[in-house]
Structures are given as structure tokens and as C-alpha cells.
Amino acid sequence: MTGAEIMAVAGFFVMLFGFFFGLWKYVDAKISAAKTEASAAASAASAMASLAREELAAHRLHVAETYVSKSGLREQTEQIMGAIGAVKDAVDKMTMRVDRIVENQSKPRTTRSG
């Protein structure tokens, strides 16, 4: 092998190494850009999830303050109906007492006259 042939082979390998090194740098740059973009997207998604979580908590609080559950409504209705029943019983007893008073007053009193 002559010096020119050795230089040609060495030049070919240097060119081949340069091509692969350039290709690697190109792919690495694309990967780094994709990582940066994915990191930004993940950060934005995390911020949106946090905002959604806060809005959901606010909505749950609003619903809890504004609306009543079926079981809570049923319990309140039972308490109100019980109180109404107690008032009805008291009124019934009151009318019976008034009836007794009126019955006792309507009887003629007997007087003894001599």
C-alpha cells in the first residue's frame, strides 16, 4: 500500500466517523427538543389538573351548601311530620277538655228550696 492509498482509507474512515457523529448529534438534538416539549406539556397538564381539582372542590362545596340529600330530606320530613302530629294530638286533647267543660256547664244545677 502506498501513502496515497493509506491517506484515502484514513480519509474515508474520518469522513464516515464525521457522518455518524453528525447524524448522532442531529438525532440527539431532536430527542432533546422532544424532551423539552414533553416537559412543557407535562407541566401545563399538571397546572390544568391542579386548577380542575380546585374547581371541583369549589363545586362540591357549593353543592353541599346548596342542595340536600334524599336521606337528609327524608329525615327532616319525618321530624316535621312528627311535630305536626304532636300539635294535632294537643289540639285534639284541648277540644276534648273544652267539650267536658261545656258539658259540665250545660247541666242544670239542682237547688233545694224549702
PDB file of N, CA and C in Angstrom:
ATOM      1  N   MET A   1       0.844  -1.163   0.000  1.00  0.00           N
ATOM      2  CA  MET A   1       0.000   0.000   0.000  1.00  0.00           C
ATOM      3  C   MET A   1       0.893   1.231   0.000  1.00  0.00           C
ATOM      4  N   THR A   2       0.461   2.144  -0.771  1.00  0.00           N
ATOM      5  CA  THR A   2       1.231   3.376  -0.869  1.00  0.00           C
ATOM      6  C   THR A   2       0.653   4.403   0.087  1.00  0.00           C
ATOM      7  N   GLY A   3       1.336   5.487   0.229  1.00  0.00           N
ATOM      8  CA  GLY A   3       0.904   6.547   1.134  1.00  0.00           C
ATOM      9  C   GLY A   3      -0.417   7.154   0.704  1.00  0.00           C
ATOM     10  N   ALA A   4      -0.636   7.244  -0.614  1.00  0.00           N
ATOM     11  CA  ALA A   4      -1.881   7.830  -1.114  1.00  0.00           C
ATOM     12  C   ALA A   4      -3.064   6.932  -0.778  1.00  0.00           C
ATOM     13  N   GLU A   5      -2.859   5.628  -0.905  1.00  0.00           N
ATOM     14  CA  GLU A   5      -3.943   4.694  -0.597  1.00  0.00           C
ATOM     15  C   GLU A   5      -4.268   4.726   0.905  1.00  0.00           C
ATOM     16  N   ILE A   6      -3.216   4.790   1.737  1.00  0.00           N
ATOM     17  CA  ILE A   6      -3.431   4.848   3.183  1.00  0.00           C
ATOM     18  C   ILE A   6      -4.186   6.128   3.541  1.00  0.00           C
ATOM     19  N   MET A   7      -3.798   7.237   2.926  1.00  0.00           N
ATOM     20  CA  MET A   7      -4.485   8.506   3.182  1.00  0.00           C
ATOM     21  C   MET A   7      -5.936   8.441   2.703  1.00  0.00           C
ATOM     22  N   ALA A   8      -6.203   7.758   1.607  1.00  0.00           N
ATOM     23  CA  ALA A   8      -7.573   7.638   1.097  1.00  0.00           C
ATOM     24  C   ALA A   8      -8.419   6.814   2.067  1.00  0.00           C
ATOM     25  N   VAL A   9      -7.860   5.706   2.571  1.00  0.00           N
ATOM     26  CA  VAL A   9      -8.586   4.863   3.515  1.00  0.00           C
ATOM     27  C   VAL A   9      -8.801   5.632   4.826  1.00  0.00           C
ATOM     28  N   ALA A  10      -7.775   6.318   5.312  1.00  0.00           N
ATOM     29  CA  ALA A  10      -7.913   7.099   6.546  1.00  0.00           C
ATOM     30  C   ALA A  10      -8.937   8.213   6.342  1.00  0.00           C
ATOM     31  N   GLY A  11      -8.913   8.876   5.200  1.00  0.00           N
ATOM     32  CA  GLY A  11      -9.886   9.931   4.901  1.00  0.00           C
ATOM     33  C   GLY A  11     -11.304   9.377   4.855  1.00  0.00           C
ATOM     34  N   PHE A  12     -11.436   8.173   4.271  1.00  0.00           N
ATOM     35  CA  PHE A  12     -12.766   7.549   4.202  1.00  0.00           C
ATOM     36  C   PHE A  12     -13.301   7.287   5.612  1.00  0.00           C
ATOM     37  N   PHE A  13     -12.436   6.739   6.492  1.00  0.00           N
ATOM     38  CA  PHE A  13     -12.886   6.460   7.858  1.00  0.00           C
ATOM     39  C   PHE A  13     -13.175   7.744   8.642  1.00  0.00           C
ATOM     40  N   VAL A  14     -12.369   8.779   8.420  1.00  0.00           N
ATOM     41  CA  VAL A  14     -12.632  10.059   9.079  1.00  0.00           C
ATOM     42  C   VAL A  14     -13.963  10.623   8.589  1.00  0.00           C
ATOM     43  N   MET A  15     -14.210  10.527   7.270  1.00  0.00           N
ATOM     44  CA  MET A  15     -15.478  11.003   6.713  1.00  0.00           C
ATOM     45  C   MET A  15     -16.648  10.178   7.270  1.00  0.00           C
ATOM     46  N   LEU A  16     -16.484   8.871   7.355  1.00  0.00           N
ATOM     47  CA  LEU A  16     -17.525   8.001   7.880  1.00  0.00           C
ATOM     48  C   LEU A  16     -17.795   8.321   9.356  1.00  0.00           C
ATOM     49  N   PHE A  17     -16.731   8.518  10.142  1.00  0.00           N
ATOM     50  CA  PHE A  17     -16.885   8.892  11.546  1.00  0.00           C
ATOM     51  C   PHE A  17     -17.589  10.243  11.658  1.00  0.00           C
ATOM     52  N   GLY A  18     -17.211  11.195  10.841  1.00  0.00           N
ATOM     53  CA  GLY A  18     -17.843  12.517  10.850  1.00  0.00           C
ATOM     54  C   GLY A  18     -19.332  12.425  10.510  1.00  0.00           C
ATOM     55  N   PHE A  19     -19.668  11.571   9.524  1.00  0.00           N
ATOM     56  CA  PHE A  19     -21.079  11.401   9.143  1.00  0.00           C
ATOM     57  C   PHE A  19     -21.890  10.833  10.307  1.00  0.00           C
ATOM     58  N   PHE A  20     -21.377   9.768  10.930  1.00  0.00           N
ATOM     59  CA  PHE A  20     -22.110   9.161  12.045  1.00  0.00           C
ATOM     60  C   PHE A  20     -22.181  10.095  13.254  1.00  0.00           C
ATOM     61  N   PHE A  21     -21.086  10.845  13.505  1.00  0.00           N
ATOM     62  CA  PHE A  21     -21.101  11.805  14.601  1.00  0.00           C
ATOM     63  C   PHE A  21     -22.129  12.905  14.335  1.00  0.00           C
ATOM     64  N   GLY A  22     -22.189  13.413  13.130  1.00  0.00           N
ATOM     65  CA  GLY A  22     -23.177  14.435  12.762  1.00  0.00           C
ATOM     66  C   GLY A  22     -24.600  13.893  12.858  1.00  0.00           C
ATOM     67  N   LEU A  23     -24.786  12.650  12.398  1.00  0.00           N
ATOM     68  CA  LEU A  23     -26.104  12.018  12.486  1.00  0.00           C
ATOM     69  C   LEU A  23     -26.512  11.856  13.949  1.00  0.00           C
ATOM     70  N   TRP A  24     -25.574  11.433  14.791  1.00  0.00           N
ATOM     71  CA  TRP A  24     -25.867  11.275  16.215  1.00  0.00           C
ATOM     72  C   TRP A  24     -26.231  12.613  16.849  1.00  0.00           C
ATOM     73  N   LYS A  25     -25.493  13.665  16.519  1.00  0.00           N
ATOM     74  CA  LYS A  25     -25.795  14.982  17.070  1.00  0.00           C
ATOM     75  C   LYS A  25     -27.172  15.456  16.606  1.00  0.00           C
ATOM     76  N   TYR A  26     -27.537  15.188  15.354  1.00  0.00           N
ATOM     77  CA  TYR A  26     -28.850  15.579  14.826  1.00  0.00           C
ATOM     78  C   TYR A  26     -29.964  14.849  15.593  1.00  0.00           C
ATOM     79  N   VAL A  27     -29.822  13.547  15.768  1.00  0.00           N
ATOM     80  CA  VAL A  27     -30.828  12.755  16.481  1.00  0.00           C
ATOM     81  C   VAL A  27     -30.889  13.181  17.946  1.00  0.00           C
ATOM     82  N   ASP A  28     -29.748  13.428  18.554  1.00  0.00           N
ATOM     83  CA  ASP A  28     -29.708  13.871  19.947  1.00  0.00           C
ATOM     84  C   ASP A  28     -30.399  15.224  20.111  1.00  0.00           C
ATOM     85  N   ALA A  29     -30.203  16.124  19.171  1.00  0.00           N
ATOM     86  CA  ALA A  29     -30.873  17.431  19.227  1.00  0.00           C
ATOM     87  C   ALA A  29     -32.385  17.257  19.119  1.00  0.00           C
ATOM     88  N   LYS A  30     -32.831  16.374  18.238  1.00  0.00           N
ATOM     89  CA  LYS A  30     -34.274  16.117  18.113  1.00  0.00           C
ATOM     90  C   LYS A  30     -34.829  15.510  19.399  1.00  0.00           C
ATOM     91  N   ILE A  31     -34.103  14.596  20.007  1.00  0.00           N
ATOM     92  CA  ILE A  31     -34.548  13.977  21.258  1.00  0.00           C
ATOM     93  C   ILE A  31     -34.613  15.021  22.366  1.00  0.00           C
ATOM     94  N   SER A  32     -33.610  15.886  22.450  1.00  0.00           N
ATOM     95  CA  SER A  32     -33.611  16.943  23.472  1.00  0.00           C
ATOM     96  C   SER A  32     -34.778  17.897  23.271  1.00  0.00           C
ATOM     97  N   ALA A  33     -35.063  18.246  22.012  1.00  0.00           N
ATOM     98  CA  ALA A  33     -36.197  19.135  21.736  1.00  0.00           C
ATOM     99  C   ALA A  33     -37.510  18.459  22.129  1.00  0.00           C
ATOM    100  N   ALA A  34     -37.639  17.168  21.845  1.00  0.00           N
ATOM    101  CA  ALA A  34     -38.858  16.438  22.204  1.00  0.00           C
ATOM    102  C   ALA A  34     -38.999  16.346  23.724  1.00  0.00           C
ATOM    103  N   LYS A  35     -37.879  16.143  24.427  1.00  0.00           N
ATOM    104  CA  LYS A  35     -37.931  16.101  25.892  1.00  0.00           C
ATOM    105  C   LYS A  35     -38.382  17.440  26.457  1.00  0.00           C
ATOM    106  N   THR A  36     -37.827  18.523  25.919  1.00  0.00           N
ATOM    107  CA  THR A  36     -38.204  19.858  26.386  1.00  0.00           C
ATOM    108  C   THR A  36     -39.682  20.117  26.132  1.00  0.00           C
ATOM    109  N   GLU A  37     -40.144  19.753  24.946  1.00  0.00           N
ATOM    110  CA  GLU A  37     -41.557  19.939  24.596  1.00  0.00           C
ATOM    111  C   GLU A  37     -42.461  19.083  25.487  1.00  0.00           C
ATOM    112  N   ALA A  38     -42.063  17.849  25.730  1.00  0.00           N
ATOM    113  CA  ALA A  38     -42.859  16.962  26.583  1.00  0.00           C
ATOM    114  C   ALA A  38     -42.877  17.470  28.023  1.00  0.00           C
ATOM    115  N   SER A  39     -41.752  17.994  28.481  1.00  0.00           N
ATOM    116  CA  SER A  39     -41.699  18.544  29.836  1.00  0.00           C
ATOM    117  C   SER A  39     -42.625  19.746  29.968  1.00  0.00           C
ATOM    118  N   ALA A  40     -42.641  20.609  28.956  1.00  0.00           N
ATOM    119  CA  ALA A  40     -43.535  21.771  28.981  1.00  0.00           C
ATOM    120  C   ALA A  40     -44.994  21.325  28.947  1.00  0.00           C
ATOM    121  N   ALA A  41     -45.298  20.321  28.117  1.00  0.00           N
ATOM    122  CA  ALA A  41     -46.673  19.818  28.036  1.00  0.00           C
ATOM    123  C   ALA A  41     -47.089  19.169  29.358  1.00  0.00           C
ATOM    124  N   ALA A  42     -46.178  18.442  29.986  1.00  0.00           N
ATOM    125  CA  ALA A  42     -46.495  17.811  31.272  1.00  0.00           C
ATOM    126  C   ALA A  42     -46.712  18.864  32.349  1.00  0.00           C
ATOM    127  N   SER A  43     -45.924  19.914  32.320  1.00  0.00           N
ATOM    128  CA  SER A  43     -46.091  20.994  33.291  1.00  0.00           C
ATOM    129  C   SER A  43     -47.438  21.686  33.098  1.00  0.00           C
ATOM    130  N   ALA A  44     -47.808  21.930  31.840  1.00  0.00           N
ATOM    131  CA  ALA A  44     -49.108  22.552  31.560  1.00  0.00           C
ATOM    132  C   ALA A  44     -50.249  21.632  31.979  1.00  0.00           C
ATOM    133  N   ALA A  45     -50.110  20.344  31.716  1.00  0.00           N
ATOM    134  CA  ALA A  45     -51.153  19.392  32.107  1.00  0.00           C
ATOM    135  C   ALA A  45     -51.280  19.323  33.623  1.00  0.00           C
ATOM    136  N   SER A  46     -50.163  19.382  34.320  1.00  0.00           N
ATOM    137  CA  SER A  46     -50.201  19.373  35.781  1.00  0.00           C
ATOM    138  C   SER A  46     -50.895  20.618  36.317  1.00  0.00           C
ATOM    139  N   ALA A  47     -50.616  21.770  35.705  1.00  0.00           N
ATOM    140  CA  ALA A  47     -51.273  23.009  36.133  1.00  0.00           C
ATOM    141  C   ALA A  47     -52.772  22.944  35.874  1.00  0.00           C
ATOM    142  N   MET A  48     -53.158  22.396  34.723  1.00  0.00           N
ATOM    143  CA  MET A  48     -54.590  22.273  34.413  1.00  0.00           C
ATOM    144  C   MET A  48     -55.268  21.291  35.358  1.00  0.00           C
ATOM    145  N   ALA A  49     -54.591  20.210  35.706  1.00  0.00           N
ATOM    146  CA  ALA A  49     -55.165  19.238  36.643  1.00  0.00           C
ATOM    147  C   ALA A  49     -55.337  19.867  38.019  1.00  0.00           C
ATOM    148  N   SER A  50     -54.376  20.667  38.432  1.00  0.00           N
ATOM    149  CA  SER A  50     -54.483  21.350  39.723  1.00  0.00           C
ATOM    150  C   SER A  50     -55.653  22.326  39.715  1.00  0.00           C
ATOM    151  N   LEU A  51     -55.806  23.066  38.627  1.00  0.00           N
ATOM    152  CA  LEU A  51     -56.923  24.003  38.505  1.00  0.00           C
ATOM    153  C   LEU A  51     -58.254  23.253  38.511  1.00  0.00           C
ATOM    154  N   ALA A  52     -58.314  22.142  37.781  1.00  0.00           N
ATOM    155  CA  ALA A  52     -59.548  21.349  37.749  1.00  0.00           C
ATOM    156  C   ALA A  52     -59.871  20.799  39.133  1.00  0.00           C
ATOM    157  N   ARG A  53     -58.843  20.393  39.872  1.00  0.00           N
ATOM    158  CA  ARG A  53     -59.051  19.874  41.224  1.00  0.00           C
ATOM    159  C   ARG A  53     -59.619  20.966  42.136  1.00  0.00           C
ATOM    160  N   GLU A  54     -59.082  22.187  42.013  1.00  0.00           N
ATOM    161  CA  GLU A  54     -59.585  23.297  42.824  1.00  0.00           C
ATOM    162  C   GLU A  54     -61.025  23.647  42.453  1.00  0.00           C
ATOM    163  N   GLU A  55     -61.316  23.657  41.146  1.00  0.00           N
ATOM    164  CA  GLU A  55     -62.682  23.963  40.712  1.00  0.00           C
ATOM    165  C   GLU A  55     -63.657  22.883  41.176  1.00  0.00           C
ATOM    166  N   LEU A  56     -63.234  21.631  41.134  1.00  0.00           N
ATOM    167  CA  LEU A  56     -64.092  20.543  41.597  1.00  0.00           C
ATOM    168  C   LEU A  56     -64.365  20.667  43.091  1.00  0.00           C
ATOM    169  N   ALA A  57     -63.356  21.021  43.857  1.00  0.00           N
ATOM    170  CA  ALA A  57     -63.555  21.198  45.300  1.00  0.00           C
ATOM    171  C   ALA A  57     -64.524  22.345  45.567  1.00  0.00           C
ATOM    172  N   ALA A  58     -64.398  23.434  44.802  1.00  0.00           N
ATOM    173  CA  ALA A  58     -65.318  24.562  44.974  1.00  0.00           C
ATOM    174  C   ALA A  58     -66.739  24.161  44.595  1.00  0.00           C
ATOM    175  N   HIS A  59     -66.882  23.369  43.532  1.00  0.00           N
ATOM    176  CA  HIS A  59     -68.216  22.926  43.110  1.00  0.00           C
ATOM    177  C   HIS A  59     -68.826  21.986  44.150  1.00  0.00           C
ATOM    178  N   ARG A  60     -68.015  21.088  44.687  1.00  0.00           N
ATOM    179  CA  ARG A  60     -68.523  20.182  45.726  1.00  0.00           C
ATOM    180  C   ARG A  60     -69.005  20.968  46.941  1.00  0.00           C
ATOM    181  N   LEU A  61     -68.260  21.979  47.323  1.00  0.00           N
ATOM    182  CA  LEU A  61     -68.660  22.810  48.452  1.00  0.00           C
ATOM    183  C   LEU A  61     -69.966  23.534  48.147  1.00  0.00           C
ATOM    184  N   HIS A  62     -70.096  24.053  46.934  1.00  0.00           N
ATOM    185  CA  HIS A  62     -71.329  24.747  46.538  1.00  0.00           C
ATOM    186  C   HIS A  62     -72.522  23.797  46.584  1.00  0.00           C
ATOM    187  N   VAL A  63     -72.345  22.590  46.053  1.00  0.00           N
ATOM    188  CA  VAL A  63     -73.434  21.608  46.051  1.00  0.00           C
ATOM    189  C   VAL A  63     -73.796  21.222  47.479  1.00  0.00           C
ATOM    190  N   ALA A  64     -72.795  21.034  48.325  1.00  0.00           N
ATOM    191  CA  ALA A  64     -73.067  20.654  49.719  1.00  0.00           C
ATOM    192  C   ALA A  64     -73.798  21.766  50.456  1.00  0.00           C
ATOM    193  N   GLU A  65     -73.488  23.020  50.138  1.00  0.00           N
ATOM    194  CA  GLU A  65     -74.154  24.136  50.809  1.00  0.00           C
ATOM    195  C   GLU A  65     -75.545  24.394  50.254  1.00  0.00           C
ATOM    196  N   THR A  66     -75.755  24.120  48.970  1.00  0.00           N
ATOM    197  CA  THR A  66     -76.998  24.497  48.303  1.00  0.00           C
ATOM    198  C   THR A  66     -78.047  23.398  48.323  1.00  0.00           C
ATOM    199  N   TYR A  67     -77.656  22.183  48.085  1.00  0.00           N
ATOM    200  CA  TYR A  67     -78.613  21.094  47.921  1.00  0.00           C
ATOM    201  C   TYR A  67     -78.594  20.176  49.128  1.00  0.00           C
ATOM    202  N   VAL A  68     -79.675  19.410  49.270  1.00  0.00           N
ATOM    203  CA  VAL A  68     -79.788  18.477  50.387  1.00  0.00           C
ATOM    204  C   VAL A  68     -79.914  17.070  49.806  1.00  0.00           C
ATOM    205  N   SER A  69     -79.416  16.091  50.532  1.00  0.00           N
ATOM    206  CA  SER A  69     -79.505  14.717  50.056  1.00  0.00           C
ATOM    207  C   SER A  69     -80.906  14.162  50.311  1.00  0.00           C
ATOM    208  N   LYS A  70     -81.231  13.079  49.636  1.00  0.00           N
ATOM    209  CA  LYS A  70     -82.552  12.464  49.805  1.00  0.00           C
ATOM    210  C   LYS A  70     -82.749  11.976  51.234  1.00  0.00           C
ATOM    211  N   SER A  71     -81.717  11.374  51.797  1.00  0.00           N
ATOM    212  CA  SER A  71     -81.867  10.877  53.170  1.00  0.00           C
ATOM    213  C   SER A  71     -82.019  12.037  54.151  1.00  0.00           C
ATOM    214  N   GLY A  72     -81.294  13.126  53.921  1.00  0.00           N
ATOM    215  CA  GLY A  72     -81.445  14.296  54.786  1.00  0.00           C
ATOM    216  C   GLY A  72     -82.827  14.895  54.674  1.00  0.00           C
ATOM    217  N   LEU A  73     -83.352  14.954  53.448  1.00  0.00           N
ATOM    218  CA  LEU A  73     -84.702  15.478  53.244  1.00  0.00           C
ATOM    219  C   LEU A  73     -85.732  14.570  53.907  1.00  0.00           C
ATOM    220  N   ARG A  74     -85.548  13.265  53.784  1.00  0.00           N
ATOM    221  CA  ARG A  74     -86.469  12.312  54.407  1.00  0.00           C
ATOM    222  C   ARG A  74     -86.456  12.476  55.925  1.00  0.00           C
ATOM    223  N   GLU A  75     -85.273  12.637  56.501  1.00  0.00           N
ATOM    224  CA  GLU A  75     -85.162  12.809  57.952  1.00  0.00           C
ATOM    225  C   GLU A  75     -85.848  14.095  58.403  1.00  0.00           C
ATOM    226  N   GLN A  76     -85.634  15.176  57.679  1.00  0.00           N
ATOM    227  CA  GLN A  76     -86.281  16.446  58.026  1.00  0.00           C
ATOM    228  C   GLN A  76     -87.797  16.331  57.913  1.00  0.00           C
ATOM    229  N   THR A  77     -88.264  15.658  56.856  1.00  0.00           N
ATOM    230  CA  THR A  77     -89.708  15.486  56.671  1.00  0.00           C
ATOM    231  C   THR A  77     -90.305  14.679  57.821  1.00  0.00           C
ATOM    232  N   GLU A  78     -89.620  13.624  58.242  1.00  0.00           N
ATOM    233  CA  GLU A  78     -90.120  12.818  59.360  1.00  0.00           C
ATOM    234  C   GLU A  78     -90.190  13.642  60.645  1.00  0.00           C
ATOM    235  N   GLN A  79     -89.194  14.473  60.885  1.00  0.00           N
ATOM    236  CA  GLN A  79     -89.213  15.309  62.086  1.00  0.00           C
ATOM    237  C   GLN A  79     -90.362  16.312  62.033  1.00  0.00           C
ATOM    238  N   ILE A  80     -90.570  16.917  60.874  1.00  0.00           N
ATOM    239  CA  ILE A  80     -91.661  17.893  60.735  1.00  0.00           C
ATOM    240  C   ILE A  80     -93.009  17.209  60.906  1.00  0.00           C
ATOM    241  N   MET A  81     -93.170  16.030  60.291  1.00  0.00           N
ATOM    242  CA  MET A  81     -94.443  15.314  60.412  1.00  0.00           C
ATOM    243  C   MET A  81     -94.680  14.885  61.861  1.00  0.00           C
ATOM    244  N   GLY A  82     -93.640  14.498  62.574  1.00  0.00           N
ATOM    245  CA  GLY A  82     -93.782  14.151  63.992  1.00  0.00           C
ATOM    246  C   GLY A  82     -94.223  15.351  64.814  1.00  0.00           C
ATOM    247  N   ALA A  83     -93.640  16.514  64.524  1.00  0.00           N
ATOM    248  CA  ALA A  83     -94.033  17.727  65.251  1.00  0.00           C
ATOM    249  C   ALA A  83     -95.473  18.100  64.933  1.00  0.00           C
ATOM    250  N   ILE A  84     -95.880  17.959  63.681  1.00  0.00           N
ATOM    251  CA  ILE A  84     -97.269  18.258  63.307  1.00  0.00           C
ATOM    252  C   ILE A  84     -98.217  17.295  64.007  1.00  0.00           C
ATOM    253  N   GLY A  85     -97.831  16.016  64.091  1.00  0.00           N
ATOM    254  CA  GLY A  85     -98.659  15.029  64.793  1.00  0.00           C
ATOM    255  C   GLY A  85     -98.813  15.374  66.267  1.00  0.00           C
ATOM    256  N   ALA A  86     -97.732  15.845  66.887  1.00  0.00           N
ATOM    257  CA  ALA A  86     -97.806  16.233  68.301  1.00  0.00           C
ATOM    258  C   ALA A  86     -98.736  17.424  68.487  1.00  0.00           C
ATOM    259  N   VAL A  87     -98.679  18.389  67.578  1.00  0.00           N
ATOM    260  CA  VAL A  87     -99.578  19.548  67.662  1.00  0.00           C
ATOM    261  C   VAL A  87    -101.020  19.102  67.468  1.00  0.00           C
ATOM    262  N   LYS A  88    -101.265  18.176  66.537  1.00  0.00           N
ATOM    263  CA  LYS A  88    -102.626  17.663  66.305  1.00  0.00           C
ATOM    264  C   LYS A  88    -103.153  16.978  67.561  1.00  0.00           C
ATOM    265  N   ASP A  89    -102.327  16.161  68.192  1.00  0.00           N
ATOM    266  CA  ASP A  89    -102.753  15.493  69.431  1.00  0.00           C
ATOM    267  C   ASP A  89    -103.080  16.510  70.519  1.00  0.00           C
ATOM    268  N   ALA A  90    -102.268  17.543  70.631  1.00  0.00           N
ATOM    269  CA  ALA A  90    -102.517  18.571  71.648  1.00  0.00           C
ATOM    270  C   ALA A  90    -103.825  19.299  71.369  1.00  0.00           C
ATOM    271  N   VAL A  91    -104.094  19.588  70.093  1.00  0.00           N
ATOM    272  CA  VAL A  91    -105.352  20.266  69.742  1.00  0.00           C
ATOM    273  C   VAL A  91    -106.538  19.349  70.018  1.00  0.00           C
ATOM    274  N   ASP A  92    -106.410  18.057  69.691  1.00  0.00           N
ATOM    275  CA  ASP A  92    -107.497  17.105  69.975  1.00  0.00           C
ATOM    276  C   ASP A  92    -107.786  17.036  71.476  1.00  0.00           C
ATOM    277  N   LYS A  93    -106.750  16.981  72.279  1.00  0.00           N
ATOM    278  CA  LYS A  93    -106.950  16.934  73.730  1.00  0.00           C
ATOM    279  C   LYS A  93    -107.579  18.226  74.231  1.00  0.00           C
ATOM    280  N   MET A  94    -107.184  19.347  73.620  1.00  0.00           N
ATOM    281  CA  MET A  94    -107.745  20.635  74.024  1.00  0.00           C
ATOM    282  C   MET A  94    -109.239  20.676  73.710  1.00  0.00           C
ATOM    283  N   THR A  95    -109.640  20.187  72.553  1.00  0.00           N
ATOM    284  CA  THR A  95    -111.069  20.202  72.220  1.00  0.00           C
ATOM    285  C   THR A  95    -111.846  19.276  73.143  1.00  0.00           C
ATOM    286  N   MET A  96    -111.244  18.152  73.519  1.00  0.00           N
ATOM    287  CA  MET A  96    -111.935  17.254  74.448  1.00  0.00           C
ATOM    288  C   MET A  96    -112.116  17.922  75.805  1.00  0.00           C
ATOM    289  N   ARG A  97    -111.125  18.667  76.246  1.00  0.00           N
ATOM    290  CA  ARG A  97    -111.243  19.360  77.530  1.00  0.00           C
ATOM    291  C   ARG A  97    -112.316  20.441  77.460  1.00  0.00           C
ATOM    292  N   VAL A  98    -112.331  21.161  76.345  1.00  0.00           N
ATOM    293  CA  VAL A  98    -113.357  22.199  76.181  1.00  0.00           C
ATOM    294  C   VAL A  98    -114.739  21.554  76.147  1.00  0.00           C
ATOM    295  N   ASP A  99    -114.861  20.412  75.461  1.00  0.00           N
ATOM    296  CA  ASP A  99    -116.149  19.711  75.414  1.00  0.00           C
ATOM    297  C   ASP A  99    -116.596  19.306  76.818  1.00  0.00           C
ATOM    298  N   ARG A 100    -115.691  18.813  77.632  1.00  0.00           N
ATOM    299  CA  ARG A 100    -116.042  18.428  79.001  1.00  0.00           C
ATOM    300  C   ARG A 100    -116.487  19.634  79.824  1.00  0.00           C
ATOM    301  N   ILE A 101    -115.798  20.742  79.646  1.00  0.00           N
ATOM    302  CA  ILE A 101    -116.181  21.954  80.388  1.00  0.00           C
ATOM    303  C   ILE A 101    -117.570  22.397  79.976  1.00  0.00           C
ATOM    304  N   VAL A 102    -117.836  22.383  78.679  1.00  0.00           N
ATOM    305  CA  VAL A 102    -119.150  22.805  78.184  1.00  0.00           C
ATOM    306  C   VAL A 102    -120.223  21.842  78.658  1.00  0.00           C
ATOM    307  N   GLU A 103    -119.932  20.547  78.636  1.00  0.00           N
ATOM    308  CA  GLU A 103    -120.915  19.566  79.102  1.00  0.00           C
ATOM    309  C   GLU A 103    -121.235  19.777  80.575  1.00  0.00           C
ATOM    310  N   ASN A 104    -120.257  20.047  81.361  1.00  0.00           N
ATOM    311  CA  ASN A 104    -120.475  20.269  82.796  1.00  0.00           C
ATOM    312  C   ASN A 104    -121.258  21.548  83.049  1.00  0.00           C
ATOM    313  N   GLN A 105    -121.082  22.552  82.238  1.00  0.00           N
ATOM    314  CA  GLN A 105    -121.805  23.804  82.431  1.00  0.00           C
ATOM    315  C   GLN A 105    -123.244  23.705  81.949  1.00  0.00           C
ATOM    316  N   SER A 106    -123.516  22.881  80.991  1.00  0.00           N
ATOM    317  CA  SER A 106    -124.867  22.814  80.449  1.00  0.00           C
ATOM    318  C   SER A 106    -125.822  22.033  81.343  1.00  0.00           C
ATOM    319  N   LYS A 107    -125.328  21.262  82.284  1.00  0.00           N
ATOM    320  CA  LYS A 107    -126.214  20.526  83.187  1.00  0.00           C
ATOM    321  C   LYS A 107    -126.863  21.522  84.135  1.00  0.00           C
ATOM    322  N   PRO A 108    -128.179  21.398  84.299  1.00  0.00           N
ATOM    323  CA  PRO A 108    -128.830  22.313  85.245  1.00  0.00           C
ATOM    324  C   PRO A 108    -128.480  21.913  86.666  1.00  0.00           C
ATOM    325  N   ARG A 109    -128.203  22.889  87.440  1.00  0.00           N
ATOM    326  CA  ARG A 109    -127.865  22.627  88.830  1.00  0.00           C
ATOM    327  C   ARG A 109    -129.170  22.521  89.623  1.00  0.00           C
ATOM    328  N   THR A 110    -129.156  21.608  90.432  1.00  0.00           N
ATOM    329  CA  THR A 110    -130.354  21.440  91.277  1.00  0.00           C
ATOM    330  C   THR A 110    -130.185  22.246  92.540  1.00  0.00           C
ATOM    331  N   THR A 111    -131.191  22.966  92.861  1.00  0.00           N
ATOM    332  CA  THR A 111    -131.157  23.760  94.094  1.00  0.00           C
ATOM    333  C   THR A 111    -132.269  23.270  94.997  1.00  0.00           C
ATOM    334  N   ARG A 112    -132.018  23.304  96.233  1.00  0.00           N
ATOM    335  CA  ARG A 112    -133.032  22.884  97.198  1.00  0.00           C
ATOM    336  C   ARG A 112    -133.697  24.127  97.750  1.00  0.00           C
ATOM    337  N   SER A 113    -134.886  24.183  97.546  1.00  0.00           N
ATOM    338  CA  SER A 113    -135.600  25.304  98.146  1.00  0.00           C
ATOM    339  C   SER A 113    -136.674  24.740  99.066  1.00  0.00           C
ATOM    340  N   GLY A 114    -136.795  25.331 100.057  1.00  0.00           N
ATOM    341  CA  GLY A 114    -137.598  24.775 101.078  1.00  0.00           C
ATOM    342  C   GLY A 114    -138.872  25.282 101.377  1.00  0.00           C
TER     343      GLY A 114
END
